[in-house]
């Protein structure tokens, strides 16, 4: 019995010291792991931040390029029929969109939905205007009707999407 008491006198302080060392080492390793995660996150932000900003820039440029004013002025040479010009406009919008579709991974879902909806609204507007034009209408007629229709809208979906994207940029940076 006396041997057990002597053994306990040695074992209990040794266990307490061992447990204290365990807590110190665990705390140190947890701090190092947290520090390592923060370093990785910092490097990740350094890489992603420029890509994200570039994505916002490209989407703003996309929205500016598909506004009816810019689209019609850039593509209309006055020699097309309304139907030919419709196809040119729709092709240009789709190509611009397909060129920038990968940028959605850097944007919020709300902003990306507004961009898609603005594009779709423009396509619907072009198709609607062409369907109301006579068969012999020219690209000039289409352009004039597009400008009229765009002017009638109380809320321009492209400008609304552009404002929201810019607001998101301001909030993120």
N, C-alpha and C. Protein backbone atom coordinates (compact mmCIF):
# COMPACT_ATOMS: atom_id res chain seq x y z
N UNK A 1 0.81 -1.17 0.00
CA UNK A 1 0.00 0.00 0.00
C UNK A 1 0.86 1.25 0.00
N UNK A 2 1.91 1.24 0.81
CA UNK A 2 2.81 2.38 0.88
C UNK A 2 3.51 2.58 -0.47
N UNK A 3 3.77 1.53 -1.15
CA UNK A 3 4.39 1.60 -2.47
C UNK A 3 3.43 2.27 -3.47
N UNK A 4 2.19 1.97 -3.36
CA UNK A 4 1.20 2.58 -4.24
C UNK A 4 1.07 4.07 -3.98
N UNK A 5 1.15 4.47 -2.71
CA UNK A 5 1.08 5.89 -2.37
C UNK A 5 2.30 6.62 -2.91
N UNK A 6 3.47 6.04 -2.76
CA UNK A 6 4.71 6.64 -3.28
C UNK A 6 4.64 6.73 -4.82
N UNK A 7 4.14 5.67 -5.42
CA UNK A 7 4.00 5.66 -6.88
C UNK A 7 3.00 6.74 -7.33
N UNK A 8 1.92 6.93 -6.60
CA UNK A 8 0.92 7.96 -6.87
C UNK A 8 1.51 9.35 -6.72
N UNK A 9 2.43 9.53 -5.71
CA UNK A 9 3.06 10.83 -5.51
C UNK A 9 3.91 11.22 -6.71
N UNK A 10 4.47 10.24 -7.35
CA UNK A 10 5.29 10.51 -8.54
C UNK A 10 4.42 10.63 -9.80
N UNK A 11 3.45 9.76 -9.89
CA UNK A 11 2.65 9.68 -11.11
C UNK A 11 1.70 10.88 -11.28
N UNK A 12 1.07 11.35 -10.24
CA UNK A 12 0.11 12.46 -10.34
C UNK A 12 0.80 13.75 -10.77
N UNK A 13 1.94 14.17 -10.17
CA UNK A 13 2.60 15.39 -10.68
C UNK A 13 3.11 15.21 -12.13
N UNK A 14 3.61 14.00 -12.44
CA UNK A 14 4.09 13.76 -13.80
C UNK A 14 2.94 13.87 -14.81
N UNK A 15 1.77 13.33 -14.45
CA UNK A 15 0.61 13.41 -15.33
C UNK A 15 0.15 14.86 -15.48
N UNK A 16 0.19 15.63 -14.42
CA UNK A 16 -0.21 17.04 -14.47
C UNK A 16 0.73 17.82 -15.38
N UNK A 17 2.05 17.57 -15.25
CA UNK A 17 3.03 18.25 -16.11
C UNK A 17 2.83 17.83 -17.55
N UNK A 18 2.60 16.55 -17.79
CA UNK A 18 2.38 16.04 -19.14
C UNK A 18 1.12 16.67 -19.75
N UNK A 19 0.04 16.77 -18.97
CA UNK A 19 -1.19 17.37 -19.46
C UNK A 19 -0.99 18.86 -19.76
N UNK A 20 -0.24 19.56 -18.91
CA UNK A 20 0.05 20.97 -19.13
C UNK A 20 0.86 21.14 -20.42
N UNK A 21 1.82 20.29 -20.64
CA UNK A 21 2.64 20.34 -21.87
C UNK A 21 1.76 20.08 -23.10
N UNK A 22 0.83 19.12 -22.96
CA UNK A 22 -0.09 18.81 -24.05
C UNK A 22 -0.90 20.05 -24.41
N UNK A 23 -1.44 20.75 -23.40
CA UNK A 23 -2.23 21.95 -23.66
C UNK A 23 -1.40 23.06 -24.31
N UNK A 24 -0.17 23.23 -23.87
CA UNK A 24 0.71 24.26 -24.44
C UNK A 24 1.02 23.94 -25.91
N UNK A 25 1.39 22.70 -26.17
CA UNK A 25 1.72 22.29 -27.55
C UNK A 25 0.49 22.39 -28.44
N UNK A 26 -0.66 21.94 -27.94
CA UNK A 26 -1.90 22.02 -28.73
C UNK A 26 -2.23 23.47 -29.05
N UNK A 27 -2.12 24.36 -28.08
CA UNK A 27 -2.39 25.78 -28.29
C UNK A 27 -1.44 26.36 -29.34
N UNK A 28 -0.16 26.01 -29.22
CA UNK A 28 0.84 26.49 -30.19
C UNK A 28 0.51 25.99 -31.60
N UNK A 29 0.19 24.70 -31.73
CA UNK A 29 -0.13 24.15 -33.05
C UNK A 29 -1.41 24.76 -33.62
N UNK A 30 -2.41 25.00 -32.79
CA UNK A 30 -3.64 25.65 -33.25
C UNK A 30 -3.35 27.05 -33.78
N UNK A 31 -2.51 27.80 -33.06
CA UNK A 31 -2.16 29.16 -33.51
C UNK A 31 -1.40 29.11 -34.83
N UNK A 32 -0.49 28.17 -34.96
CA UNK A 32 0.29 28.04 -36.20
C UNK A 32 -0.62 27.65 -37.37
N UNK A 33 -1.56 26.75 -37.11
CA UNK A 33 -2.49 26.34 -38.15
C UNK A 33 -3.38 27.51 -38.58
N UNK A 34 -3.86 28.29 -37.64
CA UNK A 34 -4.66 29.47 -37.95
C UNK A 34 -3.83 30.48 -38.75
N UNK A 35 -2.61 30.68 -38.34
CA UNK A 35 -1.71 31.60 -39.05
C UNK A 35 -1.48 31.12 -40.48
N UNK A 36 -1.29 29.83 -40.65
CA UNK A 36 -1.08 29.25 -41.98
C UNK A 36 -2.32 29.44 -42.86
N UNK A 37 -3.50 29.22 -42.29
CA UNK A 37 -4.74 29.41 -43.05
C UNK A 37 -4.90 30.87 -43.46
N UNK A 38 -4.57 31.80 -42.58
CA UNK A 38 -4.67 33.21 -42.91
C UNK A 38 -3.69 33.60 -44.02
N UNK A 39 -2.50 33.03 -43.99
CA UNK A 39 -1.52 33.30 -45.06
C UNK A 39 -2.03 32.79 -46.40
N UNK A 40 -2.59 31.59 -46.40
CA UNK A 40 -3.13 31.02 -47.63
C UNK A 40 -4.28 31.87 -48.15
N UNK A 41 -5.16 32.28 -47.23
CA UNK A 41 -6.29 33.12 -47.63
C UNK A 41 -5.81 34.46 -48.19
N UNK A 42 -4.78 35.03 -47.56
CA UNK A 42 -4.23 36.29 -48.05
C UNK A 42 -3.67 36.16 -49.45
N UNK A 43 -2.95 35.07 -49.70
CA UNK A 43 -2.42 34.84 -51.05
C UNK A 43 -3.55 34.61 -52.05
N UNK A 44 -4.58 33.92 -51.60
CA UNK A 44 -5.73 33.66 -52.46
C UNK A 44 -6.42 34.96 -52.83
N UNK A 45 -6.60 35.84 -51.87
CA UNK A 45 -7.24 37.14 -52.12
C UNK A 45 -6.39 37.96 -53.09
N UNK A 46 -5.07 37.90 -52.94
CA UNK A 46 -4.19 38.64 -53.84
C UNK A 46 -4.35 38.16 -55.28
N UNK A 47 -4.66 36.88 -55.45
CA UNK A 47 -4.84 36.32 -56.79
C UNK A 47 -6.24 36.59 -57.31
N UNK A 48 -7.24 36.40 -56.48
CA UNK A 48 -8.63 36.50 -56.92
C UNK A 48 -9.09 37.94 -57.09
N UNK A 49 -8.62 38.83 -56.25
CA UNK A 49 -9.08 40.22 -56.30
C UNK A 49 -8.88 40.86 -57.67
N UNK A 50 -7.70 40.77 -58.27
CA UNK A 50 -7.55 41.35 -59.61
C UNK A 50 -8.46 40.68 -60.65
N UNK A 51 -8.63 39.36 -60.53
CA UNK A 51 -9.52 38.65 -61.47
C UNK A 51 -10.96 39.11 -61.30
N UNK A 52 -11.36 39.30 -60.07
CA UNK A 52 -12.73 39.72 -59.80
C UNK A 52 -12.97 41.13 -60.33
N UNK A 53 -12.04 42.01 -60.10
CA UNK A 53 -12.15 43.38 -60.61
C UNK A 53 -12.20 43.38 -62.14
N UNK A 54 -11.37 42.56 -62.74
CA UNK A 54 -11.35 42.44 -64.20
C UNK A 54 -12.70 41.92 -64.72
N UNK A 55 -13.30 40.98 -63.99
CA UNK A 55 -14.61 40.45 -64.39
C UNK A 55 -15.66 41.54 -64.37
N UNK A 56 -15.66 42.35 -63.32
CA UNK A 56 -16.61 43.46 -63.24
C UNK A 56 -16.39 44.45 -64.38
N UNK A 57 -15.14 44.72 -64.69
CA UNK A 57 -14.84 45.63 -65.80
C UNK A 57 -15.38 45.08 -67.12
N UNK A 58 -15.18 43.78 -67.33
CA UNK A 58 -15.64 43.17 -68.58
C UNK A 58 -17.15 43.17 -68.67
N UNK A 59 -17.83 42.93 -67.56
CA UNK A 59 -19.29 42.93 -67.59
C UNK A 59 -19.82 44.35 -67.83
N UNK A 60 -19.19 45.34 -67.24
CA UNK A 60 -19.59 46.73 -67.51
C UNK A 60 -19.39 47.06 -68.99
N UNK A 61 -18.27 46.62 -69.53
CA UNK A 61 -18.01 46.85 -70.95
C UNK A 61 -19.05 46.12 -71.81
N UNK A 62 -19.37 44.88 -71.44
CA UNK A 62 -20.39 44.12 -72.16
C UNK A 62 -21.72 44.87 -72.17
N UNK A 63 -22.14 45.33 -71.00
CA UNK A 63 -23.41 46.05 -70.92
C UNK A 63 -23.39 47.34 -71.74
N UNK A 64 -22.28 48.04 -71.70
CA UNK A 64 -22.16 49.27 -72.51
C UNK A 64 -22.20 48.95 -74.00
N UNK A 65 -21.55 47.87 -74.39
CA UNK A 65 -21.49 47.51 -75.82
C UNK A 65 -22.84 47.06 -76.37
N UNK A 66 -23.72 46.51 -75.50
CA UNK A 66 -25.00 46.04 -76.02
C UNK A 66 -26.13 47.06 -75.85
N UNK A 67 -25.83 48.25 -75.36
CA UNK A 67 -26.89 49.27 -75.32
C UNK A 67 -27.29 49.54 -76.77
N UNK A 68 -28.57 49.75 -77.03
CA UNK A 68 -29.00 49.97 -78.42
C UNK A 68 -28.23 51.09 -79.11
N UNK A 69 -27.95 52.17 -78.39
CA UNK A 69 -27.20 53.27 -79.00
C UNK A 69 -25.86 52.79 -79.55
N UNK A 70 -25.08 52.14 -78.71
CA UNK A 70 -23.75 51.70 -79.13
C UNK A 70 -23.81 50.57 -80.14
N UNK A 71 -24.72 49.65 -79.95
CA UNK A 71 -24.84 48.49 -80.83
C UNK A 71 -25.21 48.91 -82.25
N UNK A 72 -26.22 49.74 -82.37
CA UNK A 72 -26.70 50.15 -83.69
C UNK A 72 -25.65 51.01 -84.40
N UNK A 73 -25.08 51.95 -83.69
CA UNK A 73 -24.09 52.83 -84.32
C UNK A 73 -22.87 52.03 -84.77
N UNK A 74 -22.46 51.07 -83.98
CA UNK A 74 -21.27 50.29 -84.31
C UNK A 74 -21.50 49.35 -85.49
N UNK A 75 -22.70 48.80 -85.63
CA UNK A 75 -22.92 47.75 -86.62
C UNK A 75 -23.70 48.17 -87.87
N UNK A 76 -24.37 49.28 -87.83
CA UNK A 76 -25.25 49.66 -88.95
C UNK A 76 -24.49 50.44 -90.01
N UNK A 77 -24.50 49.92 -91.22
CA UNK A 77 -23.91 50.69 -92.32
C UNK A 77 -24.97 51.16 -93.31
N UNK A 78 -26.25 50.89 -93.00
CA UNK A 78 -27.34 51.39 -93.83
C UNK A 78 -27.63 50.57 -95.07
N UNK A 79 -26.89 49.51 -95.31
CA UNK A 79 -27.07 48.72 -96.52
C UNK A 79 -27.82 47.41 -96.27
N UNK A 80 -28.20 47.16 -95.05
CA UNK A 80 -28.87 45.90 -94.71
C UNK A 80 -30.38 46.08 -94.72
N UNK A 81 -31.07 44.96 -94.94
CA UNK A 81 -32.51 44.96 -94.71
C UNK A 81 -32.70 44.84 -93.20
N UNK A 82 -33.92 45.11 -92.75
CA UNK A 82 -34.19 45.02 -91.31
C UNK A 82 -33.94 43.60 -90.79
N UNK A 83 -34.31 42.59 -91.56
CA UNK A 83 -34.14 41.20 -91.15
C UNK A 83 -32.65 40.82 -91.08
N UNK A 84 -31.88 41.29 -92.05
CA UNK A 84 -30.43 41.03 -92.02
C UNK A 84 -29.80 41.71 -90.81
N UNK A 85 -30.21 42.94 -90.59
CA UNK A 85 -29.65 43.70 -89.47
C UNK A 85 -30.05 43.08 -88.13
N UNK A 86 -31.26 42.55 -88.07
CA UNK A 86 -31.69 41.84 -86.87
C UNK A 86 -30.74 40.69 -86.57
N UNK A 87 -30.41 39.90 -87.57
CA UNK A 87 -29.51 38.77 -87.37
C UNK A 87 -28.11 39.22 -86.95
N UNK A 88 -27.66 40.32 -87.53
CA UNK A 88 -26.35 40.87 -87.17
C UNK A 88 -26.36 41.31 -85.70
N UNK A 89 -27.42 42.01 -85.31
CA UNK A 89 -27.52 42.48 -83.92
C UNK A 89 -27.58 41.30 -82.95
N UNK A 90 -28.42 40.32 -83.24
CA UNK A 90 -28.55 39.17 -82.35
C UNK A 90 -27.25 38.38 -82.27
N UNK A 91 -26.57 38.23 -83.40
CA UNK A 91 -25.27 37.53 -83.39
C UNK A 91 -24.26 38.26 -82.53
N UNK A 92 -24.22 39.57 -82.67
CA UNK A 92 -23.27 40.38 -81.90
C UNK A 92 -23.55 40.27 -80.41
N UNK A 93 -24.82 40.35 -80.03
CA UNK A 93 -25.19 40.24 -78.61
C UNK A 93 -24.79 38.87 -78.07
N UNK A 94 -25.10 37.83 -78.81
CA UNK A 94 -24.77 36.47 -78.35
C UNK A 94 -23.27 36.24 -78.27
N UNK A 95 -22.53 36.75 -79.24
CA UNK A 95 -21.07 36.60 -79.20
C UNK A 95 -20.48 37.34 -78.01
N UNK A 96 -20.94 38.57 -77.78
CA UNK A 96 -20.45 39.34 -76.63
C UNK A 96 -20.78 38.60 -75.34
N UNK A 97 -21.99 38.08 -75.25
CA UNK A 97 -22.40 37.36 -74.04
C UNK A 97 -21.55 36.10 -73.85
N UNK A 98 -21.41 35.31 -74.90
CA UNK A 98 -20.62 34.08 -74.79
C UNK A 98 -19.17 34.37 -74.44
N UNK A 99 -18.66 35.49 -74.91
CA UNK A 99 -17.28 35.87 -74.60
C UNK A 99 -17.12 36.21 -73.12
N UNK A 100 -18.20 36.66 -72.48
CA UNK A 100 -18.11 37.11 -71.09
C UNK A 100 -18.83 36.21 -70.08
N UNK A 101 -19.37 35.11 -70.53
CA UNK A 101 -20.19 34.27 -69.65
C UNK A 101 -19.39 33.71 -68.47
N UNK A 102 -18.11 33.51 -68.63
CA UNK A 102 -17.30 32.95 -67.53
C UNK A 102 -17.12 33.94 -66.38
N UNK A 103 -17.42 35.19 -66.60
CA UNK A 103 -17.24 36.20 -65.55
C UNK A 103 -18.26 36.05 -64.42
N UNK A 104 -19.30 35.25 -64.66
CA UNK A 104 -20.34 35.10 -63.65
C UNK A 104 -19.81 34.48 -62.36
N UNK A 105 -18.72 33.74 -62.44
CA UNK A 105 -18.19 33.10 -61.23
C UNK A 105 -17.62 34.11 -60.24
N UNK A 106 -17.36 35.33 -60.69
CA UNK A 106 -16.81 36.36 -59.80
C UNK A 106 -17.88 37.33 -59.30
N UNK A 107 -19.12 37.14 -59.75
CA UNK A 107 -20.18 38.08 -59.42
C UNK A 107 -21.23 37.42 -58.54
N UNK A 108 -22.04 38.26 -57.90
CA UNK A 108 -23.16 37.71 -57.13
C UNK A 108 -24.20 37.18 -58.12
N UNK A 109 -25.01 36.28 -57.63
CA UNK A 109 -26.05 35.70 -58.48
C UNK A 109 -27.07 36.77 -58.90
N UNK A 110 -27.36 37.68 -58.00
CA UNK A 110 -28.32 38.75 -58.30
C UNK A 110 -27.83 39.61 -59.47
N UNK A 111 -26.57 40.02 -59.41
CA UNK A 111 -26.02 40.85 -60.49
C UNK A 111 -25.98 40.09 -61.81
N UNK A 112 -25.57 38.84 -61.75
CA UNK A 112 -25.49 38.06 -62.98
C UNK A 112 -26.88 37.87 -63.58
N UNK A 113 -27.87 37.64 -62.74
CA UNK A 113 -29.24 37.50 -63.24
C UNK A 113 -29.71 38.79 -63.91
N UNK A 114 -29.33 39.93 -63.36
CA UNK A 114 -29.70 41.20 -63.99
C UNK A 114 -29.02 41.37 -65.35
N UNK A 115 -27.77 40.92 -65.45
CA UNK A 115 -27.05 41.00 -66.73
C UNK A 115 -27.75 40.11 -67.76
N UNK A 116 -28.06 38.88 -67.38
CA UNK A 116 -28.75 37.97 -68.30
C UNK A 116 -30.11 38.52 -68.70
N UNK A 117 -30.83 39.05 -67.74
CA UNK A 117 -32.15 39.56 -68.03
C UNK A 117 -32.09 40.78 -68.95
N UNK A 118 -31.08 41.62 -68.77
CA UNK A 118 -30.90 42.78 -69.66
C UNK A 118 -30.63 42.32 -71.09
N UNK A 119 -29.80 41.31 -71.23
CA UNK A 119 -29.50 40.77 -72.57
C UNK A 119 -30.76 40.19 -73.20
N UNK A 120 -31.49 39.39 -72.43
CA UNK A 120 -32.71 38.78 -72.95
C UNK A 120 -33.76 39.83 -73.31
N UNK A 121 -33.88 40.87 -72.49
CA UNK A 121 -34.83 41.93 -72.76
C UNK A 121 -34.48 42.64 -74.08
N UNK A 122 -33.21 42.87 -74.33
CA UNK A 122 -32.79 43.51 -75.57
C UNK A 122 -33.11 42.62 -76.76
N UNK A 123 -32.85 41.33 -76.64
CA UNK A 123 -33.15 40.41 -77.74
C UNK A 123 -34.65 40.40 -78.03
N UNK A 124 -35.45 40.35 -76.97
CA UNK A 124 -36.91 40.39 -77.15
C UNK A 124 -37.36 41.69 -77.80
N UNK A 125 -36.75 42.80 -77.40
CA UNK A 125 -37.11 44.10 -77.96
C UNK A 125 -36.78 44.14 -79.46
N UNK A 126 -35.60 43.65 -79.83
CA UNK A 126 -35.21 43.63 -81.25
C UNK A 126 -36.18 42.77 -82.05
N UNK A 127 -36.48 41.59 -81.54
CA UNK A 127 -37.39 40.69 -82.25
C UNK A 127 -38.79 41.30 -82.35
N UNK A 128 -39.24 41.95 -81.30
CA UNK A 128 -40.56 42.58 -81.31
C UNK A 128 -40.62 43.70 -82.34
N UNK A 129 -39.59 44.53 -82.37
CA UNK A 129 -39.57 45.64 -83.33
C UNK A 129 -39.57 45.11 -84.76
N UNK A 130 -38.76 44.09 -85.02
CA UNK A 130 -38.68 43.54 -86.38
C UNK A 130 -40.02 42.92 -86.79
N UNK A 131 -40.68 42.28 -85.85
CA UNK A 131 -41.97 41.64 -86.20
C UNK A 131 -43.03 42.67 -86.57
N UNK A 132 -42.88 43.90 -86.12
CA UNK A 132 -43.85 44.95 -86.44
C UNK A 132 -43.45 45.81 -87.64
N UNK A 133 -42.32 45.48 -88.25
CA UNK A 133 -41.87 46.23 -89.43
C UNK A 133 -42.33 45.53 -90.70
N UNK A 134 -42.55 46.30 -91.78
CA UNK A 134 -42.89 45.66 -93.06
C UNK A 134 -41.69 44.88 -93.60
N UNK A 135 -41.94 43.94 -94.47
CA UNK A 135 -40.91 43.06 -95.02
C UNK A 135 -39.79 43.85 -95.71
N UNK A 136 -40.12 44.96 -96.36
CA UNK A 136 -39.13 45.73 -97.12
C UNK A 136 -38.38 46.77 -96.27
N UNK A 137 -38.56 46.75 -94.96
CA UNK A 137 -37.92 47.73 -94.07
C UNK A 137 -36.40 47.58 -94.11
N UNK A 138 -35.73 48.70 -93.90
CA UNK A 138 -34.26 48.72 -93.92
C UNK A 138 -33.71 48.73 -92.50
N UNK A 139 -32.39 48.62 -92.43
CA UNK A 139 -31.73 48.67 -91.12
C UNK A 139 -31.93 50.03 -90.45
N UNK A 140 -32.07 51.08 -91.25
CA UNK A 140 -32.33 52.41 -90.71
C UNK A 140 -33.69 52.44 -90.03
N UNK A 141 -34.68 51.82 -90.65
CA UNK A 141 -36.02 51.74 -90.05
C UNK A 141 -35.97 50.98 -88.73
N UNK A 142 -35.24 49.88 -88.74
CA UNK A 142 -35.10 49.08 -87.52
C UNK A 142 -34.42 49.89 -86.43
N UNK A 143 -33.36 50.59 -86.78
CA UNK A 143 -32.63 51.39 -85.80
C UNK A 143 -33.53 52.47 -85.20
N UNK A 144 -34.29 53.14 -86.05
CA UNK A 144 -35.19 54.21 -85.58
C UNK A 144 -36.23 53.65 -84.61
N UNK A 145 -36.83 52.52 -84.97
CA UNK A 145 -37.85 51.91 -84.11
C UNK A 145 -37.24 51.40 -82.81
N UNK A 146 -36.02 50.88 -82.89
CA UNK A 146 -35.34 50.44 -81.66
C UNK A 146 -35.12 51.60 -80.71
N UNK A 147 -34.68 52.73 -81.24
CA UNK A 147 -34.45 53.91 -80.40
C UNK A 147 -35.76 54.39 -79.79
N UNK A 148 -36.83 54.37 -80.59
CA UNK A 148 -38.14 54.77 -80.07
C UNK A 148 -38.59 53.85 -78.94
N UNK A 149 -38.47 52.55 -79.19
CA UNK A 149 -38.92 51.56 -78.20
C UNK A 149 -38.09 51.68 -76.92
N UNK A 150 -36.79 51.87 -77.07
CA UNK A 150 -35.91 52.00 -75.90
C UNK A 150 -36.27 53.27 -75.12
N UNK A 151 -36.63 54.32 -75.82
CA UNK A 151 -36.99 55.57 -75.17
C UNK A 151 -38.31 55.49 -74.42
N UNK A 152 -39.18 54.58 -74.84
CA UNK A 152 -40.48 54.41 -74.19
C UNK A 152 -40.37 53.71 -72.84
N UNK A 153 -39.31 52.96 -72.64
CA UNK A 153 -39.18 52.19 -71.40
C UNK A 153 -38.92 53.12 -70.23
N UNK A 154 -39.64 52.86 -69.14
CA UNK A 154 -39.44 53.66 -67.94
C UNK A 154 -38.15 53.26 -67.24
N UNK A 155 -37.86 51.97 -67.24
CA UNK A 155 -36.63 51.47 -66.63
C UNK A 155 -35.86 50.72 -67.70
N UNK A 156 -34.68 51.19 -67.99
CA UNK A 156 -33.83 50.53 -68.97
C UNK A 156 -33.11 49.38 -68.27
N UNK A 157 -33.39 48.13 -68.66
CA UNK A 157 -32.78 46.98 -67.98
C UNK A 157 -31.25 46.96 -68.05
N UNK A 158 -30.70 47.45 -69.14
CA UNK A 158 -29.24 47.46 -69.27
C UNK A 158 -28.64 48.45 -68.29
N UNK A 159 -29.21 49.65 -68.22
CA UNK A 159 -28.69 50.65 -67.28
C UNK A 159 -28.92 50.22 -65.84
N UNK A 160 -30.04 49.56 -65.58
CA UNK A 160 -30.31 49.05 -64.23
C UNK A 160 -29.26 48.00 -63.84
N UNK A 161 -28.98 47.08 -64.76
CA UNK A 161 -27.97 46.05 -64.49
C UNK A 161 -26.60 46.69 -64.29
N UNK A 162 -26.28 47.68 -65.09
CA UNK A 162 -25.00 48.38 -64.98
C UNK A 162 -24.87 49.07 -63.62
N UNK A 163 -25.93 49.72 -63.18
CA UNK A 163 -25.91 50.37 -61.86
C UNK A 163 -25.70 49.35 -60.75
N UNK A 164 -26.39 48.23 -60.83
CA UNK A 164 -26.26 47.19 -59.79
C UNK A 164 -24.87 46.59 -59.77
N UNK A 165 -24.29 46.36 -60.94
CA UNK A 165 -22.92 45.83 -61.00
C UNK A 165 -21.94 46.84 -60.40
N UNK A 166 -22.11 48.10 -60.72
CA UNK A 166 -21.24 49.13 -60.17
C UNK A 166 -21.41 49.22 -58.65
N UNK A 167 -22.63 49.10 -58.17
CA UNK A 167 -22.86 49.11 -56.70
C UNK A 167 -22.19 47.92 -56.04
N UNK A 168 -22.25 46.79 -56.69
CA UNK A 168 -21.60 45.61 -56.14
C UNK A 168 -20.08 45.79 -56.08
N UNK A 169 -19.53 46.43 -57.09
CA UNK A 169 -18.09 46.71 -57.11
C UNK A 169 -17.75 47.62 -55.92
N UNK A 170 -18.54 48.65 -55.74
CA UNK A 170 -18.27 49.60 -54.64
C UNK A 170 -18.35 48.90 -53.28
N UNK A 171 -19.29 48.01 -53.12
CA UNK A 171 -19.43 47.30 -51.85
C UNK A 171 -18.27 46.33 -51.63
N UNK A 172 -17.81 45.71 -52.70
CA UNK A 172 -16.74 44.72 -52.56
C UNK A 172 -15.38 45.37 -52.33
N UNK A 173 -15.22 46.60 -52.82
CA UNK A 173 -13.91 47.23 -52.71
C UNK A 173 -14.06 48.48 -51.89
